[in-house]
Amino acid sequence: MDFEGKIISREVSELLWESEKTVATAESCTGGRIAEAIIAVPGASKYFKGGIICYVNEVKENLLGVSHELLEEKTAVCEEVAIAMVEGACRTLNTDYAVAATGVAGPSGGTKEIPVGTIWLACGKPGKVVTFKVEEDHGRDINLSIATNKAMQMLRDFLSEEEGQKENAES
């Protein structure tokens, strides 16, 4: 993990530790890399409950509750599936927050409609999920690194915003 990634992991750790909230991951193309970034900081067992690596649609459906119809209609690589993965991970692993990734890391598997390098990221909680679409192909390893780093940035920013809203409510 690069230096910036370690800083972001530490910031995520501090935000979750202080808020006493929990997080989970639901990862397809990133295969556990986001979970690895979360647990890079000692003490992660206080806030990280676990992750589901759902490389195939069957696991997305059976463990995360992603709709079969949605997967058939839109494919697994879409914003709606990423959102459903966040909500399913929160529900299945009983966490406050979750982070999800679904996409085509490469080098093959892309289509004209969904080219290699397309990765949908989502993070949040049931009813409030933010998303981001990675769209450039830099080769498999870099695609996965970019997606993991962006997912961690999204989680940090989401948690910071949640903390800010809590502080404003208490004022």
N, C-alpha and C. Protein backbone atom coordinates (compact mmCIF):
# COMPACT_ATOMS: atom_id res chain seq x y z
N MET A 1 0.85 -1.18 0.00
CA MET A 1 0.00 0.00 0.00
C MET A 1 0.89 1.24 0.00
N ASP A 2 0.52 2.21 -0.82
CA ASP A 2 1.33 3.42 -0.90
C ASP A 2 1.10 4.32 0.32
N PHE A 3 1.91 5.33 0.43
CA PHE A 3 1.87 6.21 1.61
C PHE A 3 0.51 6.90 1.75
N GLU A 4 -0.02 7.42 0.63
CA GLU A 4 -1.33 8.07 0.68
C GLU A 4 -2.41 7.09 1.14
N GLY A 5 -2.33 5.85 0.66
CA GLY A 5 -3.30 4.84 1.07
C GLY A 5 -3.24 4.57 2.56
N LYS A 6 -2.05 4.55 3.12
CA LYS A 6 -1.89 4.34 4.56
C LYS A 6 -2.49 5.49 5.35
N ILE A 7 -2.30 6.70 4.86
CA ILE A 7 -2.88 7.87 5.55
C ILE A 7 -4.40 7.78 5.53
N ILE A 8 -4.97 7.45 4.37
CA ILE A 8 -6.43 7.36 4.26
C ILE A 8 -6.95 6.24 5.15
N SER A 9 -6.27 5.09 5.19
CA SER A 9 -6.69 3.99 6.07
C SER A 9 -6.68 4.43 7.52
N ARG A 10 -5.68 5.18 7.92
CA ARG A 10 -5.59 5.70 9.29
C ARG A 10 -6.75 6.66 9.58
N GLU A 11 -7.07 7.53 8.62
CA GLU A 11 -8.17 8.49 8.81
C GLU A 11 -9.51 7.75 8.93
N VAL A 12 -9.72 6.73 8.09
CA VAL A 12 -10.93 5.92 8.18
C VAL A 12 -11.01 5.26 9.55
N SER A 13 -9.90 4.71 9.99
CA SER A 13 -9.83 4.05 11.30
C SER A 13 -10.24 5.02 12.41
N GLU A 14 -9.66 6.21 12.39
CA GLU A 14 -9.97 7.20 13.44
C GLU A 14 -11.44 7.58 13.44
N LEU A 15 -12.00 7.79 12.25
CA LEU A 15 -13.42 8.18 12.16
C LEU A 15 -14.33 7.08 12.69
N LEU A 16 -14.04 5.84 12.32
CA LEU A 16 -14.88 4.73 12.78
C LEU A 16 -14.67 4.48 14.28
N TRP A 17 -13.44 4.56 14.73
CA TRP A 17 -13.12 4.34 16.14
C TRP A 17 -13.86 5.35 17.01
N GLU A 18 -13.77 6.62 16.63
CA GLU A 18 -14.38 7.70 17.42
C GLU A 18 -15.89 7.63 17.41
N SER A 19 -16.48 7.26 16.28
CA SER A 19 -17.94 7.23 16.17
C SER A 19 -18.54 5.94 16.72
N GLU A 20 -17.67 4.95 16.97
CA GLU A 20 -18.11 3.62 17.43
C GLU A 20 -19.10 2.99 16.45
N LYS A 21 -18.84 3.20 15.15
CA LYS A 21 -19.65 2.62 14.08
C LYS A 21 -18.87 1.47 13.44
N THR A 22 -19.59 0.66 12.66
CA THR A 22 -18.98 -0.50 12.03
C THR A 22 -19.11 -0.41 10.51
N VAL A 23 -18.22 -1.15 9.83
CA VAL A 23 -18.20 -1.15 8.37
C VAL A 23 -17.95 -2.56 7.86
N ALA A 24 -18.43 -2.80 6.64
CA ALA A 24 -18.20 -4.06 5.94
C ALA A 24 -17.87 -3.74 4.49
N THR A 25 -17.42 -4.75 3.77
CA THR A 25 -17.17 -4.57 2.34
C THR A 25 -17.93 -5.62 1.53
N ALA A 26 -18.26 -5.25 0.31
CA ALA A 26 -18.85 -6.17 -0.67
C ALA A 26 -18.07 -5.94 -1.95
N GLU A 27 -17.21 -6.89 -2.29
CA GLU A 27 -16.29 -6.66 -3.39
C GLU A 27 -16.40 -7.73 -4.47
N SER A 28 -16.50 -7.26 -5.69
CA SER A 28 -16.44 -8.16 -6.83
C SER A 28 -15.05 -8.05 -7.43
N CYS A 29 -14.84 -7.14 -8.35
CA CYS A 29 -13.56 -7.09 -9.07
C CYS A 29 -12.36 -6.80 -8.18
N THR A 30 -12.53 -6.12 -7.07
CA THR A 30 -11.39 -5.79 -6.20
C THR A 30 -11.00 -6.95 -5.30
N GLY A 31 -11.81 -7.97 -5.22
CA GLY A 31 -11.45 -9.23 -4.59
C GLY A 31 -10.90 -9.18 -3.17
N GLY A 32 -11.28 -8.21 -2.38
CA GLY A 32 -10.81 -8.14 -1.00
C GLY A 32 -9.79 -7.04 -0.75
N ARG A 33 -9.40 -6.34 -1.77
CA ARG A 33 -8.39 -5.29 -1.61
C ARG A 33 -8.88 -4.14 -0.73
N ILE A 34 -10.16 -3.79 -0.82
CA ILE A 34 -10.69 -2.71 0.02
C ILE A 34 -10.68 -3.17 1.48
N ALA A 35 -11.09 -4.39 1.73
CA ALA A 35 -11.04 -4.93 3.09
C ALA A 35 -9.61 -4.91 3.61
N GLU A 36 -8.67 -5.28 2.76
CA GLU A 36 -7.26 -5.27 3.15
C GLU A 36 -6.81 -3.87 3.54
N ALA A 37 -7.25 -2.86 2.79
CA ALA A 37 -6.89 -1.48 3.12
C ALA A 37 -7.50 -1.05 4.45
N ILE A 38 -8.71 -1.50 4.73
CA ILE A 38 -9.36 -1.15 6.00
C ILE A 38 -8.63 -1.78 7.18
N ILE A 39 -8.22 -3.03 7.05
CA ILE A 39 -7.60 -3.72 8.18
C ILE A 39 -6.09 -3.47 8.27
N ALA A 40 -5.56 -2.62 7.42
CA ALA A 40 -4.14 -2.30 7.47
C ALA A 40 -3.76 -1.58 8.76
N VAL A 41 -4.74 -1.02 9.43
CA VAL A 41 -4.49 -0.28 10.67
C VAL A 41 -4.79 -1.19 11.87
N PRO A 42 -3.86 -1.29 12.81
CA PRO A 42 -4.11 -2.12 13.99
C PRO A 42 -5.38 -1.68 14.72
N GLY A 43 -6.13 -2.64 15.24
CA GLY A 43 -7.35 -2.34 15.98
C GLY A 43 -8.60 -2.34 15.12
N ALA A 44 -8.46 -2.72 13.85
CA ALA A 44 -9.60 -2.69 12.93
C ALA A 44 -10.73 -3.61 13.36
N SER A 45 -10.43 -4.61 14.19
CA SER A 45 -11.49 -5.53 14.60
C SER A 45 -12.56 -4.82 15.44
N LYS A 46 -12.27 -3.63 15.92
CA LYS A 46 -13.28 -2.87 16.67
C LYS A 46 -14.40 -2.36 15.75
N TYR A 47 -14.09 -2.11 14.48
CA TYR A 47 -15.08 -1.51 13.58
C TYR A 47 -15.29 -2.26 12.27
N PHE A 48 -14.40 -3.16 11.89
CA PHE A 48 -14.56 -3.91 10.63
C PHE A 48 -15.11 -5.29 10.95
N LYS A 49 -16.35 -5.54 10.49
CA LYS A 49 -16.99 -6.83 10.78
C LYS A 49 -16.65 -7.91 9.77
N GLY A 50 -16.37 -7.53 8.53
CA GLY A 50 -16.04 -8.53 7.53
C GLY A 50 -16.37 -8.06 6.14
N GLY A 51 -16.09 -8.94 5.20
CA GLY A 51 -16.34 -8.61 3.81
C GLY A 51 -16.86 -9.81 3.06
N ILE A 52 -17.58 -9.53 2.01
CA ILE A 52 -18.09 -10.57 1.13
C ILE A 52 -17.45 -10.34 -0.24
N ILE A 53 -16.71 -11.33 -0.69
CA ILE A 53 -16.16 -11.27 -2.04
C ILE A 53 -17.17 -11.99 -2.93
N CYS A 54 -17.83 -11.20 -3.74
CA CYS A 54 -18.95 -11.72 -4.55
C CYS A 54 -18.61 -11.59 -6.02
N TYR A 55 -17.70 -12.44 -6.44
CA TYR A 55 -17.19 -12.38 -7.80
C TYR A 55 -18.23 -12.79 -8.84
N VAL A 56 -19.19 -13.59 -8.45
CA VAL A 56 -20.21 -14.05 -9.39
C VAL A 56 -21.59 -13.55 -8.95
N ASN A 57 -22.49 -13.45 -9.91
CA ASN A 57 -23.84 -12.94 -9.63
C ASN A 57 -24.58 -13.77 -8.60
N GLU A 58 -24.37 -15.08 -8.60
CA GLU A 58 -25.04 -15.97 -7.65
C GLU A 58 -24.78 -15.51 -6.21
N VAL A 59 -23.56 -15.13 -5.91
CA VAL A 59 -23.21 -14.69 -4.56
C VAL A 59 -23.81 -13.30 -4.28
N LYS A 60 -23.81 -12.44 -5.29
CA LYS A 60 -24.44 -11.13 -5.13
C LYS A 60 -25.92 -11.30 -4.76
N GLU A 61 -26.56 -12.23 -5.44
CA GLU A 61 -27.98 -12.48 -5.18
C GLU A 61 -28.21 -13.15 -3.82
N ASN A 62 -27.50 -14.26 -3.57
CA ASN A 62 -27.77 -15.09 -2.40
C ASN A 62 -27.29 -14.49 -1.08
N LEU A 63 -26.15 -13.82 -1.08
CA LEU A 63 -25.63 -13.28 0.17
C LEU A 63 -25.95 -11.80 0.36
N LEU A 64 -26.04 -11.05 -0.73
CA LEU A 64 -26.28 -9.61 -0.60
C LEU A 64 -27.70 -9.20 -0.96
N GLY A 65 -28.47 -10.11 -1.52
CA GLY A 65 -29.85 -9.79 -1.87
C GLY A 65 -30.00 -8.90 -3.09
N VAL A 66 -28.98 -8.86 -3.96
CA VAL A 66 -29.10 -8.09 -5.19
C VAL A 66 -30.13 -8.79 -6.08
N SER A 67 -31.04 -8.02 -6.62
CA SER A 67 -32.12 -8.57 -7.43
C SER A 67 -31.61 -9.26 -8.70
N HIS A 68 -32.12 -10.47 -8.92
CA HIS A 68 -31.79 -11.22 -10.13
C HIS A 68 -32.20 -10.42 -11.37
N GLU A 69 -33.37 -9.80 -11.30
CA GLU A 69 -33.88 -9.02 -12.42
C GLU A 69 -32.96 -7.84 -12.73
N LEU A 70 -32.46 -7.18 -11.69
CA LEU A 70 -31.54 -6.06 -11.88
C LEU A 70 -30.26 -6.53 -12.57
N LEU A 71 -29.72 -7.63 -12.10
CA LEU A 71 -28.50 -8.17 -12.70
C LEU A 71 -28.72 -8.57 -14.16
N GLU A 72 -29.88 -9.15 -14.46
CA GLU A 72 -30.20 -9.54 -15.83
C GLU A 72 -30.39 -8.32 -16.73
N GLU A 73 -31.09 -7.32 -16.20
CA GLU A 73 -31.43 -6.15 -17.01
C GLU A 73 -30.23 -5.22 -17.22
N LYS A 74 -29.47 -4.95 -16.15
CA LYS A 74 -28.41 -3.93 -16.22
C LYS A 74 -26.99 -4.50 -16.21
N THR A 75 -26.81 -5.76 -15.94
CA THR A 75 -25.54 -6.44 -15.70
C THR A 75 -25.03 -6.10 -14.30
N ALA A 76 -24.00 -6.81 -13.88
CA ALA A 76 -23.44 -6.58 -12.55
C ALA A 76 -22.65 -5.29 -12.47
N VAL A 77 -22.26 -4.75 -13.63
CA VAL A 77 -21.43 -3.55 -13.63
C VAL A 77 -22.29 -2.32 -13.91
N CYS A 78 -22.96 -1.88 -12.85
CA CYS A 78 -23.79 -0.68 -12.95
C CYS A 78 -23.93 -0.05 -11.57
N GLU A 79 -24.33 1.19 -11.58
CA GLU A 79 -24.49 1.94 -10.33
C GLU A 79 -25.50 1.29 -9.40
N GLU A 80 -26.61 0.83 -9.95
CA GLU A 80 -27.67 0.25 -9.12
C GLU A 80 -27.21 -0.99 -8.38
N VAL A 81 -26.40 -1.81 -9.03
CA VAL A 81 -25.88 -3.02 -8.37
C VAL A 81 -24.90 -2.63 -7.27
N ALA A 82 -24.05 -1.64 -7.52
CA ALA A 82 -23.11 -1.19 -6.48
C ALA A 82 -23.87 -0.70 -5.25
N ILE A 83 -24.94 0.05 -5.46
CA ILE A 83 -25.76 0.53 -4.35
C ILE A 83 -26.40 -0.65 -3.61
N ALA A 84 -26.96 -1.59 -4.36
CA ALA A 84 -27.59 -2.76 -3.74
C ALA A 84 -26.56 -3.58 -2.94
N MET A 85 -25.32 -3.62 -3.42
CA MET A 85 -24.27 -4.34 -2.69
C MET A 85 -23.97 -3.68 -1.35
N VAL A 86 -23.94 -2.35 -1.32
CA VAL A 86 -23.73 -1.63 -0.05
C VAL A 86 -24.86 -1.95 0.92
N GLU A 87 -26.08 -1.82 0.45
CA GLU A 87 -27.23 -2.06 1.33
C GLU A 87 -27.27 -3.52 1.79
N GLY A 88 -26.94 -4.44 0.88
CA GLY A 88 -26.92 -5.86 1.23
C GLY A 88 -25.83 -6.20 2.23
N ALA A 89 -24.66 -5.59 2.08
CA ALA A 89 -23.57 -5.84 3.03
C ALA A 89 -23.93 -5.32 4.42
N CYS A 90 -24.52 -4.14 4.48
CA CYS A 90 -24.95 -3.59 5.79
C CYS A 90 -25.95 -4.54 6.45
N ARG A 91 -26.89 -5.03 5.67
CA ARG A 91 -27.93 -5.92 6.19
C ARG A 91 -27.34 -7.28 6.59
N THR A 92 -26.59 -7.89 5.70
CA THR A 92 -26.07 -9.23 5.93
C THR A 92 -25.06 -9.28 7.07
N LEU A 93 -24.19 -8.27 7.13
CA LEU A 93 -23.14 -8.26 8.15
C LEU A 93 -23.47 -7.37 9.34
N ASN A 94 -24.68 -6.80 9.33
CA ASN A 94 -25.17 -5.99 10.44
C ASN A 94 -24.20 -4.87 10.80
N THR A 95 -23.91 -4.03 9.81
CA THR A 95 -23.00 -2.91 10.02
C THR A 95 -23.70 -1.58 9.76
N ASP A 96 -23.09 -0.52 10.24
CA ASP A 96 -23.61 0.83 10.01
C ASP A 96 -23.34 1.28 8.58
N TYR A 97 -22.16 0.91 8.06
CA TYR A 97 -21.72 1.36 6.74
C TYR A 97 -21.15 0.19 5.95
N ALA A 98 -21.06 0.40 4.62
CA ALA A 98 -20.39 -0.59 3.77
C ALA A 98 -19.80 0.12 2.55
N VAL A 99 -18.84 -0.57 1.95
CA VAL A 99 -18.19 -0.12 0.72
C VAL A 99 -18.33 -1.26 -0.29
N ALA A 100 -18.60 -0.92 -1.55
CA ALA A 100 -18.75 -1.95 -2.58
C ALA A 100 -18.02 -1.57 -3.85
N ALA A 101 -17.62 -2.61 -4.59
CA ALA A 101 -16.98 -2.41 -5.90
C ALA A 101 -17.45 -3.51 -6.84
N THR A 102 -17.80 -3.12 -8.06
CA THR A 102 -18.19 -4.07 -9.08
C THR A 102 -17.75 -3.52 -10.43
N GLY A 103 -17.05 -4.34 -11.20
CA GLY A 103 -16.57 -3.82 -12.47
C GLY A 103 -15.79 -4.83 -13.28
N VAL A 104 -15.11 -4.31 -14.31
CA VAL A 104 -14.30 -5.12 -15.21
C VAL A 104 -12.86 -4.61 -15.11
N ALA A 105 -12.05 -5.33 -14.35
CA ALA A 105 -10.67 -4.89 -14.11
C ALA A 105 -9.75 -5.19 -15.29
N GLY A 106 -10.08 -6.22 -16.07
CA GLY A 106 -9.27 -6.56 -17.23
C GLY A 106 -8.34 -7.73 -16.97
N PRO A 107 -7.57 -8.11 -17.89
CA PRO A 107 -7.38 -7.46 -19.19
C PRO A 107 -8.49 -7.76 -20.19
N SER A 108 -9.33 -8.75 -19.91
CA SER A 108 -10.43 -9.06 -20.82
C SER A 108 -11.75 -8.92 -20.07
N GLY A 109 -12.84 -9.25 -20.74
CA GLY A 109 -14.15 -9.23 -20.11
C GLY A 109 -14.98 -8.01 -20.43
N GLY A 110 -14.38 -7.01 -21.04
CA GLY A 110 -15.13 -5.81 -21.37
C GLY A 110 -15.98 -5.99 -22.62
N THR A 111 -16.92 -5.08 -22.78
CA THR A 111 -17.76 -5.03 -23.97
C THR A 111 -17.75 -3.59 -24.49
N LYS A 112 -18.40 -3.37 -25.63
CA LYS A 112 -18.50 -2.00 -26.15
C LYS A 112 -19.23 -1.10 -25.15
N GLU A 113 -20.27 -1.64 -24.53
CA GLU A 113 -21.07 -0.87 -23.58
C GLU A 113 -20.36 -0.70 -22.23
N ILE A 114 -19.62 -1.74 -21.83
CA ILE A 114 -18.92 -1.71 -20.54
C ILE A 114 -17.47 -2.13 -20.80
N PRO A 115 -16.65 -1.16 -21.18
CA PRO A 115 -15.26 -1.50 -21.51
C PRO A 115 -14.42 -1.85 -20.27
N VAL A 116 -13.32 -2.54 -20.51
CA VAL A 116 -12.36 -2.84 -19.45
C VAL A 116 -11.97 -1.52 -18.78
N GLY A 117 -11.88 -1.57 -17.47
CA GLY A 117 -11.55 -0.38 -16.68
C GLY A 117 -12.77 0.27 -16.06
N THR A 118 -13.97 -0.17 -16.45
CA THR A 118 -15.20 0.36 -15.87
C THR A 118 -15.43 -0.31 -14.52
N ILE A 119 -15.42 0.48 -13.46
CA ILE A 119 -15.64 -0.05 -12.12
C ILE A 119 -16.56 0.93 -11.37
N TRP A 120 -17.67 0.40 -10.88
CA TRP A 120 -18.59 1.20 -10.06
C TRP A 120 -18.25 0.98 -8.60
N LEU A 121 -18.07 2.08 -7.89
CA LEU A 121 -17.81 2.06 -6.45
C LEU A 121 -18.99 2.69 -5.73
N ALA A 122 -19.28 2.19 -4.55
CA ALA A 122 -20.35 2.77 -3.74
C ALA A 122 -19.97 2.65 -2.28
N CYS A 123 -20.40 3.62 -1.50
CA CYS A 123 -20.24 3.50 -0.05
C CYS A 123 -21.35 4.27 0.62
N GLY A 124 -21.64 3.86 1.85
CA GLY A 124 -22.69 4.53 2.58
C GLY A 124 -23.40 3.61 3.53
N LYS A 125 -24.68 3.88 3.68
CA LYS A 125 -25.55 3.13 4.58
C LYS A 125 -26.91 3.00 3.90
N PRO A 126 -27.74 2.09 4.39
CA PRO A 126 -29.05 1.94 3.75
C PRO A 126 -29.78 3.29 3.68
N GLY A 127 -30.23 3.63 2.49
CA GLY A 127 -30.96 4.88 2.29
C GLY A 127 -30.08 6.07 1.95
N LYS A 128 -28.75 5.93 2.10
CA LYS A 128 -27.85 7.03 1.76
C LYS A 128 -26.53 6.44 1.26
N VAL A 129 -26.41 6.36 -0.06
CA VAL A 129 -25.24 5.76 -0.68
C VAL A 129 -24.71 6.72 -1.74
N VAL A 130 -23.38 6.90 -1.75
CA VAL A 130 -22.74 7.70 -2.79
C VAL A 130 -22.00 6.75 -3.73
N THR A 131 -21.89 7.16 -4.99
CA THR A 131 -21.27 6.29 -5.99
C THR A 131 -20.23 7.06 -6.80
N PHE A 132 -19.38 6.29 -7.45
CA PHE A 132 -18.37 6.86 -8.35
C PHE A 132 -18.06 5.82 -9.41
N LYS A 133 -17.87 6.28 -10.64
CA LYS A 133 -17.57 5.38 -11.74
C LYS A 133 -16.13 5.63 -12.22
N VAL A 134 -15.31 4.60 -12.11
CA VAL A 134 -13.96 4.63 -12.68
C VAL A 134 -14.10 4.18 -14.13
N GLU A 135 -13.49 4.91 -15.06
CA GLU A 135 -13.75 4.61 -16.47
C GLU A 135 -12.52 4.40 -17.33
N GLU A 136 -11.33 4.57 -16.83
CA GLU A 136 -10.15 4.45 -17.67
C GLU A 136 -9.44 3.13 -17.42
N ASP A 137 -8.92 2.56 -18.48
CA ASP A 137 -8.18 1.30 -18.39
C ASP A 137 -6.68 1.59 -18.38
N HIS A 138 -6.04 1.25 -17.27
CA HIS A 138 -4.59 1.41 -17.13
C HIS A 138 -3.91 0.06 -16.93
N GLY A 139 -4.62 -1.02 -17.24
CA GLY A 139 -4.12 -2.36 -16.97
C GLY A 139 -4.67 -2.85 -15.64
N ARG A 140 -4.83 -4.13 -15.52
CA ARG A 140 -5.51 -4.74 -14.37
C ARG A 140 -5.00 -4.25 -13.01
N ASP A 141 -3.71 -4.35 -12.77
CA ASP A 141 -3.19 -4.00 -11.45
C ASP A 141 -3.46 -2.54 -11.09
N ILE A 142 -3.23 -1.65 -12.03
CA ILE A 142 -3.45 -0.23 -11.76
C ILE A 142 -4.94 0.05 -11.64
N ASN A 143 -5.78 -0.58 -12.47
CA ASN A 143 -7.24 -0.41 -12.35
C ASN A 143 -7.70 -0.76 -10.94
N LEU A 144 -7.21 -1.88 -10.42
CA LEU A 144 -7.62 -2.32 -9.08
C LEU A 144 -7.07 -1.40 -7.99
N SER A 145 -5.87 -0.92 -8.18
CA SER A 145 -5.28 0.02 -7.22
C SER A 145 -6.06 1.34 -7.20
N ILE A 146 -6.40 1.85 -8.36
CA ILE A 146 -7.17 3.09 -8.45
C ILE A 146 -8.53 2.90 -7.78
N ALA A 147 -9.20 1.80 -8.07
CA ALA A 147 -10.53 1.54 -7.49
C ALA A 147 -10.45 1.43 -5.97
N THR A 148 -9.45 0.73 -5.46
CA THR A 148 -9.30 0.57 -4.01
C THR A 148 -9.04 1.91 -3.34
N ASN A 149 -8.11 2.68 -3.90
CA ASN A 149 -7.80 3.98 -3.31
C ASN A 149 -9.00 4.92 -3.35
N LYS A 150 -9.72 4.93 -4.47
CA LYS A 150 -10.89 5.80 -4.59
C LYS A 150 -11.98 5.35 -3.61
N ALA A 151 -12.18 4.05 -3.46
CA ALA A 151 -13.18 3.55 -2.51
C ALA A 151 -12.85 3.99 -1.09
N MET A 152 -11.58 3.93 -0.72
CA MET A 152 -11.18 4.36 0.62
C MET A 152 -11.36 5.87 0.80
N GLN A 153 -11.06 6.64 -0.24
CA GLN A 153 -11.30 8.09 -0.18
C GLN A 153 -12.78 8.38 -0.01
N MET A 154 -13.60 7.65 -0.75
CA MET A 154 -15.06 7.84 -0.64
C MET A 154 -15.54 7.52 0.76
N LEU A 155 -15.03 6.43 1.34
CA LEU A 155 -15.44 6.05 2.69
C LEU A 155 -15.01 7.11 3.69
N ARG A 156 -13.77 7.57 3.58
CA ARG A 156 -13.29 8.63 4.47
C ARG A 156 -14.17 9.87 4.37
N ASP A 157 -14.46 10.30 3.15
CA ASP A 157 -15.26 11.51 2.95
C ASP A 157 -16.69 11.32 3.46
N PHE A 158 -17.27 10.15 3.22
CA PHE A 158 -18.62 9.87 3.71
C PHE A 158 -18.67 9.90 5.23
N LEU A 159 -17.69 9.25 5.86
CA LEU A 159 -17.65 9.23 7.33
C LEU A 159 -17.42 10.62 7.90
N SER A 160 -16.58 11.40 7.25
CA SER A 160 -16.33 12.79 7.69
C SER A 160 -17.61 13.61 7.62
N GLU A 161 -18.35 13.43 6.54
CA GLU A 161 -19.62 14.15 6.38
C GLU A 161 -20.62 13.71 7.45
N GLU A 162 -20.69 12.41 7.71
CA GLU A 162 -21.59 11.90 8.74
C GLU A 162 -21.23 12.49 10.11
N GLU A 163 -19.94 12.55 10.40
CA GLU A 163 -19.47 13.10 11.67
C GLU A 163 -19.81 14.58 11.76
N GLY A 164 -19.64 15.29 10.66
CA GLY A 164 -19.98 16.72 10.63
C GLY A 164 -21.46 16.96 10.85
N GLN A 165 -22.31 16.10 10.28
CA GLN A 165 -23.75 16.25 10.48
C GLN A 165 -24.14 15.96 11.92
N LYS A 166 -23.45 14.98 12.53
CA LYS A 166 -23.72 14.65 13.93
C LYS A 166 -23.35 15.82 14.83
N GLU A 167 -22.19 16.44 14.57
CA GLU A 167 -21.76 17.58 15.36
C GLU A 167 -22.70 18.76 15.20
N ASN A 168 -23.18 19.00 13.96
CA ASN A 168 -24.13 20.10 13.74
C ASN A 168 -25.44 19.86 14.46
N ALA A 169 -25.88 18.62 14.51
CA ALA A 169 -27.13 18.28 15.20
C ALA A 169 -27.00 18.49 16.71
N GLU A 170 -25.80 18.27 17.22
CA GLU A 170 -25.58 18.42 18.66
C GLU A 170 -25.40 19.87 19.07
N SER A 171 -25.11 20.76 18.10
CA SER A 171 -24.86 22.18 18.40
C SER A 171 -26.13 22.93 18.71
